[in-house]
Amino acid sequence: MPIRGSEKVTAHYRLLLANAKTEKERALYLSRIEREQRLLDQLQNGFPGRIAA
């Protein structure tokens, strides 16, 4: 479920990026896409070093 949500967020930011009017907006959306991609990669690969409770 979290993976699907992260993919939806990324898709939304890509849409916003495509319609960005300024470089500041583009940079903002690109950084958010990169952050979401890192989080998605972590979710898909598990969290190494994480201790299960």
PDB file of N, CA and C in Angstrom:
ATOM      1  N   MET A   1       0.806  -1.203   0.000  1.00  0.00           N
ATOM      2  CA  MET A   1       0.000   0.000   0.000  1.00  0.00           C
ATOM      3  C   MET A   1       0.857   1.279   0.000  1.00  0.00           C
ATOM      4  N   PRO A   2       1.887   1.362   0.862  1.00  0.00           N
ATOM      5  CA  PRO A   2       2.717   2.577   0.831  1.00  0.00           C
ATOM      6  C   PRO A   2       3.430   2.765  -0.508  1.00  0.00           C
ATOM      7  N   ILE A   3       3.788   1.668  -1.149  1.00  0.00           N
ATOM      8  CA  ILE A   3       4.474   1.767  -2.437  1.00  0.00           C
ATOM      9  C   ILE A   3       3.543   2.390  -3.476  1.00  0.00           C
ATOM     10  N   ARG A   4       2.325   1.935  -3.507  1.00  0.00           N
ATOM     11  CA  ARG A   4       1.360   2.473  -4.474  1.00  0.00           C
ATOM     12  C   ARG A   4       1.122   3.963  -4.227  1.00  0.00           C
ATOM     13  N   GLY A   5       1.025   4.351  -2.945  1.00  0.00           N
ATOM     14  CA  GLY A   5       0.842   5.758  -2.611  1.00  0.00           C
ATOM     15  C   GLY A   5       2.023   6.600  -3.057  1.00  0.00           C
ATOM     16  N   SER A   6       3.222   6.080  -2.857  1.00  0.00           N
ATOM     17  CA  SER A   6       4.420   6.801  -3.264  1.00  0.00           C
ATOM     18  C   SER A   6       4.470   6.950  -4.779  1.00  0.00           C
ATOM     19  N   GLU A   7       4.050   5.931  -5.496  1.00  0.00           N
ATOM     20  CA  GLU A   7       4.017   6.005  -6.959  1.00  0.00           C
ATOM     21  C   GLU A   7       3.010   7.062  -7.420  1.00  0.00           C
ATOM     22  N   LYS A   8       1.883   7.164  -6.731  1.00  0.00           N
ATOM     23  CA  LYS A   8       0.878   8.177  -7.078  1.00  0.00           C
ATOM     24  C   LYS A   8       1.416   9.579  -6.822  1.00  0.00           C
ATOM     25  N   VAL A   9       2.113   9.743  -5.706  1.00  0.00           N
ATOM     26  CA  VAL A   9       2.699  11.044  -5.385  1.00  0.00           C
ATOM     27  C   VAL A   9       3.713  11.434  -6.449  1.00  0.00           C
ATOM     28  N   THR A  10       4.564  10.487  -6.832  1.00  0.00           N
ATOM     29  CA  THR A  10       5.570  10.749  -7.857  1.00  0.00           C
ATOM     30  C   THR A  10       4.909  11.142  -9.178  1.00  0.00           C
ATOM     31  N   ALA A  11       3.858  10.443  -9.549  1.00  0.00           N
ATOM     32  CA  ALA A  11       3.152  10.762 -10.794  1.00  0.00           C
ATOM     33  C   ALA A  11       2.562  12.174 -10.733  1.00  0.00           C
ATOM     34  N   HIS A  12       2.037  12.542  -9.582  1.00  0.00           N
ATOM     35  CA  HIS A  12       1.469  13.883  -9.417  1.00  0.00           C
ATOM     36  C   HIS A  12       2.562  14.946  -9.564  1.00  0.00           C
ATOM     37  N   TYR A  13       3.713  14.716  -8.920  1.00  0.00           N
ATOM     38  CA  TYR A  13       4.811  15.675  -9.036  1.00  0.00           C
ATOM     39  C   TYR A  13       5.311  15.760 -10.475  1.00  0.00           C
ATOM     40  N   ARG A  14       5.313  14.652 -11.196  1.00  0.00           N
ATOM     41  CA  ARG A  14       5.739  14.692 -12.606  1.00  0.00           C
ATOM     42  C   ARG A  14       4.791  15.556 -13.437  1.00  0.00           C
ATOM     43  N   LEU A  15       3.504  15.472 -13.138  1.00  0.00           N
ATOM     44  CA  LEU A  15       2.518  16.311 -13.827  1.00  0.00           C
ATOM     45  C   LEU A  15       2.765  17.785 -13.504  1.00  0.00           C
ATOM     46  N   LEU A  16       2.996  18.072 -12.236  1.00  0.00           N
ATOM     47  CA  LEU A  16       3.288  19.448 -11.842  1.00  0.00           C
ATOM     48  C   LEU A  16       4.579  19.937 -12.494  1.00  0.00           C
ATOM     49  N   LEU A  17       5.585  19.081 -12.549  1.00  0.00           N
ATOM     50  CA  LEU A  17       6.857  19.434 -13.179  1.00  0.00           C
ATOM     51  C   LEU A  17       6.656  19.786 -14.649  1.00  0.00           C
ATOM     52  N   ALA A  18       5.851  19.006 -15.331  1.00  0.00           N
ATOM     53  CA  ALA A  18       5.609  19.238 -16.755  1.00  0.00           C
ATOM     54  C   ALA A  18       4.926  20.594 -17.000  1.00  0.00           C
ATOM     55  N   ASN A  19       4.186  21.069 -16.007  1.00  0.00           N
ATOM     56  CA  ASN A  19       3.463  22.331 -16.160  1.00  0.00           C
ATOM     57  C   ASN A  19       4.090  23.483 -15.391  1.00  0.00           C
ATOM     58  N   ALA A  20       5.274  23.272 -14.837  1.00  0.00           N
ATOM     59  CA  ALA A  20       5.940  24.322 -14.057  1.00  0.00           C
ATOM     60  C   ALA A  20       6.280  25.499 -14.952  1.00  0.00           C
ATOM     61  N   LYS A  21       6.095  26.683 -14.405  1.00  0.00           N
ATOM     62  CA  LYS A  21       6.319  27.888 -15.188  1.00  0.00           C
ATOM     63  C   LYS A  21       7.675  28.543 -14.914  1.00  0.00           C
ATOM     64  N   THR A  22       8.262  28.243 -13.763  1.00  0.00           N
ATOM     65  CA  THR A  22       9.547  28.861 -13.428  1.00  0.00           C
ATOM     66  C   THR A  22      10.586  27.787 -13.108  1.00  0.00           C
ATOM     67  N   GLU A  23      11.841  28.197 -13.153  1.00  0.00           N
ATOM     68  CA  GLU A  23      12.922  27.274 -12.801  1.00  0.00           C
ATOM     69  C   GLU A  23      12.829  26.877 -11.332  1.00  0.00           C
ATOM     70  N   LYS A  24      12.378  27.796 -10.490  1.00  0.00           N
ATOM     71  CA  LYS A  24      12.230  27.506  -9.060  1.00  0.00           C
ATOM     72  C   LYS A  24      11.209  26.394  -8.851  1.00  0.00           C
ATOM     73  N   GLU A  25      10.089  26.468  -9.570  1.00  0.00           N
ATOM     74  CA  GLU A  25       9.074  25.412  -9.493  1.00  0.00           C
ATOM     75  C   GLU A  25       9.634  24.084  -9.997  1.00  0.00           C
ATOM     76  N   ARG A  26      10.337  24.123 -11.099  1.00  0.00           N
ATOM     77  CA  ARG A  26      10.921  22.904 -11.666  1.00  0.00           C
ATOM     78  C   ARG A  26      11.877  22.248 -10.675  1.00  0.00           C
ATOM     79  N   ALA A  27      12.737  23.057 -10.070  1.00  0.00           N
ATOM     80  CA  ALA A  27      13.698  22.534  -9.102  1.00  0.00           C
ATOM     81  C   ALA A  27      12.985  21.930  -7.897  1.00  0.00           C
ATOM     82  N   LEU A  28      11.931  22.591  -7.436  1.00  0.00           N
ATOM     83  CA  LEU A  28      11.169  22.099  -6.299  1.00  0.00           C
ATOM     84  C   LEU A  28      10.544  20.735  -6.603  1.00  0.00           C
ATOM     85  N   TYR A  29       9.862  20.634  -7.734  1.00  0.00           N
ATOM     86  CA  TYR A  29       9.199  19.379  -8.077  1.00  0.00           C
ATOM     87  C   TYR A  29      10.201  18.271  -8.370  1.00  0.00           C
ATOM     88  N   LEU A  30      11.297  18.618  -9.001  1.00  0.00           N
ATOM     89  CA  LEU A  30      12.333  17.623  -9.283  1.00  0.00           C
ATOM     90  C   LEU A  30      12.928  17.080  -7.988  1.00  0.00           C
ATOM     91  N   SER A  31      13.175  17.948  -7.019  1.00  0.00           N
ATOM     92  CA  SER A  31      13.722  17.477  -5.746  1.00  0.00           C
ATOM     93  C   SER A  31      12.719  16.592  -5.013  1.00  0.00           C
ATOM     94  N   ARG A  32      11.438  16.914  -5.121  1.00  0.00           N
ATOM     95  CA  ARG A  32      10.409  16.086  -4.480  1.00  0.00           C
ATOM     96  C   ARG A  32      10.275  14.729  -5.167  1.00  0.00           C
ATOM     97  N   ILE A  33      10.412  14.724  -6.484  1.00  0.00           N
ATOM     98  CA  ILE A  33      10.376  13.456  -7.223  1.00  0.00           C
ATOM     99  C   ILE A  33      11.555  12.583  -6.800  1.00  0.00           C
ATOM    100  N   GLU A  34      12.720  13.180  -6.703  1.00  0.00           N
ATOM    101  CA  GLU A  34      13.915  12.430  -6.297  1.00  0.00           C
ATOM    102  C   GLU A  34      13.756  11.876  -4.883  1.00  0.00           C
ATOM    103  N   ARG A  35      13.196  12.680  -3.980  1.00  0.00           N
ATOM    104  CA  ARG A  35      12.978  12.221  -2.601  1.00  0.00           C
ATOM    105  C   ARG A  35      11.996  11.055  -2.567  1.00  0.00           C
ATOM    106  N   GLU A  36      10.902  11.179  -3.301  1.00  0.00           N
ATOM    107  CA  GLU A  36       9.916  10.095  -3.345  1.00  0.00           C
ATOM    108  C   GLU A  36      10.519   8.833  -3.951  1.00  0.00           C
ATOM    109  N   GLN A  37      11.384   8.999  -4.953  1.00  0.00           N
ATOM    110  CA  GLN A  37      12.014   7.840  -5.581  1.00  0.00           C
ATOM    111  C   GLN A  37      12.935   7.131  -4.600  1.00  0.00           C
ATOM    112  N   ARG A  38      13.679   7.914  -3.808  1.00  0.00           N
ATOM    113  CA  ARG A  38      14.535   7.306  -2.781  1.00  0.00           C
ATOM    114  C   ARG A  38      13.688   6.538  -1.762  1.00  0.00           C
ATOM    115  N   LEU A  39      12.584   7.137  -1.326  1.00  0.00           N
ATOM    116  CA  LEU A  39      11.704   6.461  -0.374  1.00  0.00           C
ATOM    117  C   LEU A  39      11.107   5.191  -0.975  1.00  0.00           C
ATOM    118  N   LEU A  40      10.720   5.262  -2.223  1.00  0.00           N
ATOM    119  CA  LEU A  40      10.157   4.103  -2.907  1.00  0.00           C
ATOM    120  C   LEU A  40      11.190   2.993  -3.024  1.00  0.00           C
ATOM    121  N   ASP A  41      12.417   3.361  -3.365  1.00  0.00           N
ATOM    122  CA  ASP A  41      13.497   2.374  -3.445  1.00  0.00           C
ATOM    123  C   ASP A  41      13.714   1.704  -2.093  1.00  0.00           C
ATOM    124  N   GLN A  42      13.672   2.490  -1.021  1.00  0.00           N
ATOM    125  CA  GLN A  42      13.827   1.926   0.318  1.00  0.00           C
ATOM    126  C   GLN A  42      12.695   0.959   0.641  1.00  0.00           C
ATOM    127  N   LEU A  43      11.482   1.330   0.288  1.00  0.00           N
ATOM    128  CA  LEU A  43      10.341   0.452   0.555  1.00  0.00           C
ATOM    129  C   LEU A  43      10.458  -0.859  -0.219  1.00  0.00           C
ATOM    130  N   GLN A  44      10.884  -0.773  -1.461  1.00  0.00           N
ATOM    131  CA  GLN A  44      10.968  -1.956  -2.293  1.00  0.00           C
ATOM    132  C   GLN A  44      12.130  -2.865  -1.883  1.00  0.00           C
ATOM    133  N   ASN A  45      13.195  -2.281  -1.376  1.00  0.00           N
ATOM    134  CA  ASN A  45      14.372  -3.056  -0.999  1.00  0.00           C
ATOM    135  C   ASN A  45      14.416  -3.401   0.480  1.00  0.00           C
ATOM    136  N   GLY A  46      13.444  -2.964   1.217  1.00  0.00           N
ATOM    137  CA  GLY A  46      13.463  -3.173   2.661  1.00  0.00           C
ATOM    138  C   GLY A  46      14.377  -2.151   3.297  1.00  0.00           C
ATOM    139  N   PHE A  47      14.525  -2.210   4.588  1.00  0.00           N
ATOM    140  CA  PHE A  47      15.363  -1.285   5.311  1.00  0.00           C
ATOM    141  C   PHE A  47      16.523  -2.040   5.925  1.00  0.00           C
ATOM    142  N   PRO A  48      17.674  -2.069   5.247  1.00  0.00           N
ATOM    143  CA  PRO A  48      18.817  -2.783   5.804  1.00  0.00           C
ATOM    144  C   PRO A  48      19.216  -2.185   7.158  1.00  0.00           C
ATOM    145  N   GLY A  49      19.533  -3.056   8.088  1.00  0.00           N
ATOM    146  CA  GLY A  49      19.939  -2.598   9.394  1.00  0.00           C
ATOM    147  C   GLY A  49      18.789  -2.343  10.340  1.00  0.00           C
ATOM    148  N   ARG A  50      17.587  -2.464   9.846  1.00  0.00           N
ATOM    149  CA  ARG A  50      16.415  -2.232  10.674  1.00  0.00           C
ATOM    150  C   ARG A  50      16.169  -3.457  11.545  1.00  0.00           C
ATOM    151  N   ILE A  51      15.920  -3.224  12.788  1.00  0.00           N
ATOM    152  CA  ILE A  51      15.691  -4.327  13.721  1.00  0.00           C
ATOM    153  C   ILE A  51      14.197  -4.554  13.858  1.00  0.00           C
ATOM    154  N   ALA A  52      13.781  -5.783  13.622  1.00  0.00           N
ATOM    155  CA  ALA A  52      12.361  -6.117  13.732  1.00  0.00           C
ATOM    156  C   ALA A  52      11.989  -6.208  15.198  1.00  0.00           C
ATOM    157  N   ALA A  53      10.876  -5.624  15.544  1.00  0.00           N
ATOM    158  CA  ALA A  53      10.426  -5.653  16.945  1.00  0.00           C
ATOM    159  C   ALA A  53       9.568  -6.868  17.213  1.00  0.00           C
TER     160      ALA A  53
END
